[in-house]
Amino acid sequence: MKEKPRGPSGIRSKRAIALKLSLIENSYNFLNESLKHYRRTSRNIQDWPFALLHITQSIELMLKQALQRIHRILIFEDVDHPKYTVSLEQALDRLQSVGVGVEEKERLVIRKAAGYRNLVVHYEFELNQFEWKKIYAQLFEFVHFFHVKHFGEEIHPHITREHWPTEARLMKYFKKNFVVYNGVEMAKESPAEIMAAQRETHLELGGVRYERIKYGDEKGWLEIDPSFAEIPCHDCSVVKGQLHLDGCDVEECPRCRHCLLGCDCSPLDHS
């Protein structure tokens, strides 16, 4: 009888077990892992970032699966040198470029997901439980929507049984707490906040009164993408010509023309 090979320590080594998952299977795994973290958030608020990161990764893999269904080469950044796969936002742009119908709702939610993931991974952040839940519920509803639209079936069978009650509660929460305004799904209190923001037309910066910059007039964003205001703001959902909500990361400072949220001009008050 042939003896099994021994490792450096003299202990018989076991044959390595390989795991191979398709893009969509990997997406389902990330979604279920996300739901596991979401279920823990009532006991531990530190699970929120992991719930958000995992559901965003699930969405990214779904977009890549949608591209792969057209042609496998499309999931790579450079189709001539297929080494690295596309990012979340690149996958969205690729779907649009190959003629896949992508609605404004999809574009907005995907960019919002990418923005929040970037915030969690690269910056300090502060959100309360209610804000986390609103973000998560919108992303989870989007997963259902995207899966049905692009893969022709409900995602429910791919969610593990232990998460089914959580799935049902999230869908119920979304229907109860979100409305459509400016053609965008948003928290039901947001339309009133948007209307109120239109009355705050000026900022006082360094003792000088400045007129606030409306969405679509930001020089910095226009230089990056001239068409960026064709859809509602990815952070606060206002449309072109409207003033942003307080704390929006898109609003530009009228004094230094950088992001108002991160500049050093220190807004003193709104009026």
Protein backbone atom coordinates (compact mmCIF):
# COMPACT_ATOMS: atom_id res chain seq x y z
CA MET A 1 0.00 0.00 0.00
CA LYS A 2 1.41 3.33 -1.04
CA GLU A 3 1.88 5.74 1.89
CA LYS A 4 0.47 9.22 1.58
CA PRO A 5 3.12 11.93 1.13
CA ARG A 6 4.26 13.68 4.28
CA GLY A 7 4.68 17.41 4.72
CA PRO A 8 7.70 19.21 6.21
CA SER A 9 6.45 18.46 9.74
CA GLY A 10 6.20 14.76 9.04
CA ILE A 11 2.38 14.82 9.10
CA ARG A 12 0.67 13.12 6.22
CA SER A 13 -0.66 15.85 3.92
CA LYS A 14 -4.24 15.83 2.65
CA ARG A 15 -5.11 16.28 -0.98
CA ALA A 16 -6.05 19.91 -1.66
CA ILE A 17 -9.75 20.47 -2.26
CA ALA A 18 -10.46 22.85 -5.15
CA LEU A 19 -13.35 25.28 -5.18
CA LYS A 20 -14.54 26.72 -8.46
CA LEU A 21 -17.46 29.14 -8.61
CA SER A 22 -18.99 30.89 -11.60
CA LEU A 23 -19.46 34.65 -11.51
CA ILE A 24 -23.13 34.33 -10.63
CA GLU A 25 -22.52 31.65 -7.98
CA ASN A 26 -19.93 33.92 -6.43
CA SER A 27 -22.46 36.75 -6.53
CA TYR A 28 -25.02 34.64 -4.66
CA ASN A 29 -22.39 33.76 -2.05
CA PHE A 30 -21.60 37.43 -1.44
CA LEU A 31 -25.32 38.23 -1.21
CA ASN A 32 -25.91 35.53 1.41
CA GLU A 33 -22.83 36.64 3.34
CA SER A 34 -24.18 40.19 3.23
CA LEU A 35 -27.52 39.06 4.64
CA LYS A 36 -25.69 37.23 7.43
CA HIS A 37 -23.98 40.47 8.45
CA TYR A 38 -27.23 42.40 8.05
CA ARG A 39 -28.96 40.07 10.51
CA ARG A 40 -26.24 40.80 13.08
CA THR A 41 -26.54 44.59 12.85
CA SER A 42 -29.28 44.75 15.50
CA ARG A 43 -26.73 43.44 17.99
CA ASN A 44 -23.54 44.90 16.55
CA ILE A 45 -23.51 48.12 14.51
CA GLN A 46 -20.00 47.27 13.24
CA ASP A 47 -21.53 44.64 10.95
CA TRP A 48 -23.11 47.38 8.79
CA PRO A 49 -20.00 48.13 6.67
CA PHE A 50 -19.54 44.42 5.93
CA ALA A 51 -23.20 44.03 4.97
CA LEU A 52 -22.82 46.97 2.57
CA LEU A 53 -19.49 45.85 1.10
CA HIS A 54 -20.72 42.32 0.44
CA ILE A 55 -23.97 43.34 -1.24
CA THR A 56 -22.05 45.83 -3.42
CA GLN A 57 -19.66 43.05 -4.43
CA SER A 58 -22.65 40.86 -5.25
CA ILE A 59 -24.00 43.58 -7.55
CA GLU A 60 -20.62 43.97 -9.26
CA LEU A 61 -20.45 40.24 -9.99
CA MET A 62 -24.01 40.30 -11.37
CA LEU A 63 -23.03 43.04 -13.79
CA LYS A 64 -20.03 40.99 -14.91
CA GLN A 65 -22.29 37.97 -15.38
CA ALA A 66 -24.58 40.08 -17.58
CA LEU A 67 -21.53 41.04 -19.66
CA GLN A 68 -20.26 37.48 -19.84
CA ARG A 69 -23.60 36.29 -21.19
CA ILE A 70 -22.91 38.51 -24.24
CA HIS A 71 -19.23 37.54 -24.56
CA ARG A 72 -16.68 36.45 -21.98
CA ILE A 73 -14.06 38.96 -23.17
CA LEU A 74 -16.32 41.86 -22.12
CA ILE A 75 -15.64 41.33 -18.42
CA PHE A 76 -12.04 42.52 -18.87
CA GLU A 77 -10.87 46.15 -18.67
CA ASP A 78 -8.75 45.78 -21.80
CA VAL A 79 -10.25 43.29 -24.24
CA ASP A 80 -6.95 43.12 -26.15
CA HIS A 81 -5.00 42.23 -22.99
CA PRO A 82 -7.48 40.32 -20.81
CA LYS A 83 -5.92 40.40 -17.37
CA TYR A 84 -7.97 42.52 -14.97
CA THR A 85 -11.76 42.52 -14.87
CA VAL A 86 -13.88 45.66 -15.01
CA SER A 87 -14.86 47.61 -11.91
CA LEU A 88 -18.46 48.19 -10.88
CA GLU A 89 -18.80 51.49 -12.73
CA GLN A 90 -16.82 50.20 -15.73
CA ALA A 91 -19.18 47.23 -15.94
CA LEU A 92 -22.10 49.65 -16.07
CA ASP A 93 -20.47 51.67 -18.84
CA ARG A 94 -19.62 48.49 -20.76
CA LEU A 95 -23.23 47.27 -20.59
CA GLN A 96 -24.40 50.59 -22.00
CA SER A 97 -21.75 50.59 -24.73
CA VAL A 98 -22.77 47.14 -25.99
CA GLY A 99 -26.42 48.16 -26.22
CA VAL A 100 -27.86 46.54 -23.10
CA GLY A 101 -30.82 48.58 -21.91
CA VAL A 102 -29.81 50.13 -18.59
CA GLU A 103 -32.45 52.30 -16.94
CA GLU A 104 -31.76 55.48 -14.99
CA LYS A 105 -32.73 53.64 -11.83
CA GLU A 106 -30.02 51.06 -12.46
CA ARG A 107 -27.36 53.63 -13.26
CA LEU A 108 -28.18 55.68 -10.18
CA VAL A 109 -28.21 52.77 -7.73
CA ILE A 110 -25.02 51.25 -9.15
CA ARG A 111 -23.16 54.54 -8.85
CA LYS A 112 -24.56 55.05 -5.37
CA ALA A 113 -23.34 51.57 -4.36
CA ALA A 114 -19.87 52.32 -5.74
CA GLY A 115 -19.82 55.64 -3.88
CA TYR A 116 -20.73 54.12 -0.53
CA ARG A 117 -18.23 51.28 -0.96
CA ASN A 118 -15.53 53.85 -1.69
CA LEU A 119 -16.57 55.80 1.40
CA VAL A 120 -16.42 52.75 3.65
CA VAL A 121 -13.09 51.48 2.30
CA HIS A 122 -11.14 54.71 1.85
CA TYR A 123 -12.58 57.39 4.16
CA GLU A 124 -13.88 58.02 7.63
CA PHE A 125 -17.65 57.85 7.72
CA GLU A 126 -20.53 58.38 10.11
CA LEU A 127 -24.02 57.04 9.54
CA ASN A 128 -26.75 56.17 11.99
CA GLN A 129 -28.65 52.87 12.01
CA PHE A 130 -31.60 54.32 10.11
CA GLU A 131 -29.42 55.70 7.32
CA TRP A 132 -27.59 52.38 6.97
CA LYS A 133 -30.89 50.52 6.74
CA LYS A 134 -32.26 52.84 4.04
CA ILE A 135 -29.12 52.39 1.94
CA TYR A 136 -29.13 48.64 2.39
CA ALA A 137 -32.85 48.21 1.66
CA GLN A 138 -32.48 50.14 -1.61
CA LEU A 139 -29.50 48.04 -2.70
CA PHE A 140 -31.27 44.81 -1.77
CA GLU A 141 -34.40 45.77 -3.73
CA PHE A 142 -32.16 46.63 -6.67
CA VAL A 143 -30.61 43.13 -6.56
CA HIS A 144 -34.12 41.67 -6.96
CA PHE A 145 -34.96 44.09 -9.78
CA PHE A 146 -31.69 43.57 -11.69
CA HIS A 147 -31.77 39.79 -11.40
CA VAL A 148 -35.32 39.51 -12.77
CA LYS A 149 -34.68 41.98 -15.59
CA HIS A 150 -31.35 40.61 -16.83
CA PHE A 151 -31.50 36.92 -15.89
CA GLY A 152 -35.24 36.30 -16.21
CA GLU A 153 -35.88 34.80 -12.79
CA GLU A 154 -36.42 35.79 -9.16
CA ILE A 155 -33.35 35.71 -6.96
CA HIS A 156 -35.26 34.16 -4.06
CA PRO A 157 -34.24 30.52 -4.84
CA HIS A 158 -30.59 31.55 -4.57
CA ILE A 159 -30.99 33.01 -1.09
CA THR A 160 -30.40 30.44 1.62
CA ARG A 161 -33.47 29.37 3.58
CA GLU A 162 -32.23 30.87 6.86
CA HIS A 163 -32.32 34.33 5.23
CA TRP A 164 -35.83 34.09 3.78
CA PRO A 165 -37.51 35.90 6.72
CA THR A 166 -34.91 38.67 6.43
CA GLU A 167 -35.55 38.91 2.68
CA ALA A 168 -39.28 39.31 3.29
CA ARG A 169 -38.78 41.99 5.96
CA LEU A 170 -36.40 43.97 3.75
CA MET A 171 -38.82 43.96 0.82
CA LYS A 172 -41.67 45.03 3.08
CA TYR A 173 -39.52 47.80 4.58
CA PHE A 174 -38.59 49.09 1.11
CA LYS A 175 -42.22 49.26 -0.07
CA LYS A 176 -43.24 51.09 3.10
CA ASN A 177 -40.39 53.61 3.26
CA PHE A 178 -39.56 54.51 -0.36
CA VAL A 179 -41.38 56.62 -2.93
CA VAL A 180 -40.68 57.76 -6.50
CA TYR A 181 -39.79 61.45 -6.91
CA ASN A 182 -37.88 63.10 -9.79
CA GLY A 183 -38.21 59.69 -11.43
CA VAL A 184 -36.03 58.15 -8.72
CA GLU A 185 -36.75 55.83 -5.82
CA MET A 186 -35.88 57.55 -2.57
CA ALA A 187 -36.74 57.56 1.12
CA LYS A 188 -40.24 58.93 1.62
CA GLU A 189 -39.00 61.96 3.59
CA SER A 190 -36.55 63.01 0.84
CA PRO A 191 -39.01 64.92 -1.44
CA ALA A 192 -39.86 67.31 1.41
CA GLU A 193 -36.14 67.73 2.17
CA ILE A 194 -35.42 68.50 -1.50
CA MET A 195 -38.16 71.13 -1.60
CA ALA A 196 -36.85 72.73 1.60
CA ALA A 197 -33.30 72.78 0.23
CA GLN A 198 -34.42 74.95 -2.69
CA ARG A 199 -35.08 77.79 -0.23
CA GLU A 200 -31.49 77.76 1.04
CA THR A 201 -30.06 79.68 -1.88
CA HIS A 202 -26.91 81.11 -0.29
CA LEU A 203 -23.98 80.13 1.94
CA GLU A 204 -21.88 82.35 4.17
CA LEU A 205 -18.21 81.44 3.80
CA GLY A 206 -15.52 83.38 5.60
CA GLY A 207 -17.92 86.22 6.27
CA VAL A 208 -18.91 86.54 2.59
CA ARG A 209 -22.31 85.54 1.22
CA TYR A 210 -22.17 83.26 -1.83
CA GLU A 211 -24.92 81.92 -4.09
CA ARG A 212 -25.02 78.11 -3.94
CA ILE A 213 -24.14 76.14 -7.06
CA LYS A 214 -26.98 74.13 -8.56
CA TYR A 215 -26.70 70.54 -9.68
CA GLY A 216 -25.36 70.46 -13.23
CA ASP A 217 -23.32 73.66 -12.87
CA GLU A 218 -20.38 72.07 -11.01
CA LYS A 219 -17.16 72.75 -12.94
CA GLY A 220 -15.23 69.85 -11.44
CA TRP A 221 -17.80 67.19 -12.26
CA LEU A 222 -18.38 68.60 -15.74
CA GLU A 223 -14.65 68.33 -16.49
CA ILE A 224 -14.69 64.65 -15.49
CA ASP A 225 -17.95 63.78 -17.25
CA PRO A 226 -19.84 66.40 -19.29
CA SER A 227 -22.99 64.27 -19.14
CA PHE A 228 -22.94 63.61 -15.38
CA ALA A 229 -26.11 65.64 -14.69
CA GLU A 230 -28.24 63.76 -17.21
CA ILE A 231 -29.45 61.58 -14.35
CA PRO A 232 -30.39 62.67 -10.79
CA CYS A 233 -27.59 63.28 -8.30
CA HIS A 234 -26.18 59.94 -7.16
CA ASP A 235 -26.00 61.12 -3.54
CA CYS A 236 -29.10 63.25 -2.83
CA SER A 237 -31.31 62.57 -5.92
CA VAL A 238 -31.94 66.19 -6.96
CA VAL A 239 -32.18 66.82 -10.69
CA LYS A 240 -30.34 69.30 -12.90
CA GLY A 241 -31.08 72.87 -11.87
CA GLN A 242 -31.98 72.01 -8.26
CA LEU A 243 -29.94 72.76 -5.14
CA HIS A 244 -28.40 69.83 -3.30
CA LEU A 245 -29.41 68.55 0.11
CA ASP A 246 -27.18 69.53 3.02
CA GLY A 247 -24.18 67.20 3.24
CA CYS A 248 -24.31 65.98 -0.36
CA ASP A 249 -20.85 64.97 -1.61
CA VAL A 250 -21.54 66.34 -5.11
CA GLU A 251 -22.25 69.97 -4.19
CA GLU A 252 -19.45 72.31 -5.18
CA CYS A 253 -18.18 75.12 -2.97
CA PRO A 254 -18.99 78.49 -4.61
CA ARG A 255 -15.82 79.96 -3.12
CA CYS A 256 -13.06 77.48 -4.02
CA ARG A 257 -15.00 75.33 -6.54
CA HIS A 258 -13.97 72.10 -4.84
CA CYS A 259 -16.28 69.62 -3.11
CA LEU A 260 -18.13 71.61 -0.44
CA LEU A 261 -18.21 68.65 1.93
CA GLY A 262 -14.43 68.32 1.99
CA CYS A 263 -13.08 71.84 1.35
CA ASP A 264 -11.56 74.17 3.94
CA CYS A 265 -13.92 77.09 3.39
CA SER A 266 -15.95 76.08 6.48
CA PRO A 267 -19.58 76.98 5.81
CA LEU A 268 -20.84 78.95 8.79
CA ASP A 269 -24.54 78.94 8.15
CA HIS A 270 -27.25 78.47 5.54
CA SER A 271 -29.80 81.18 4.89
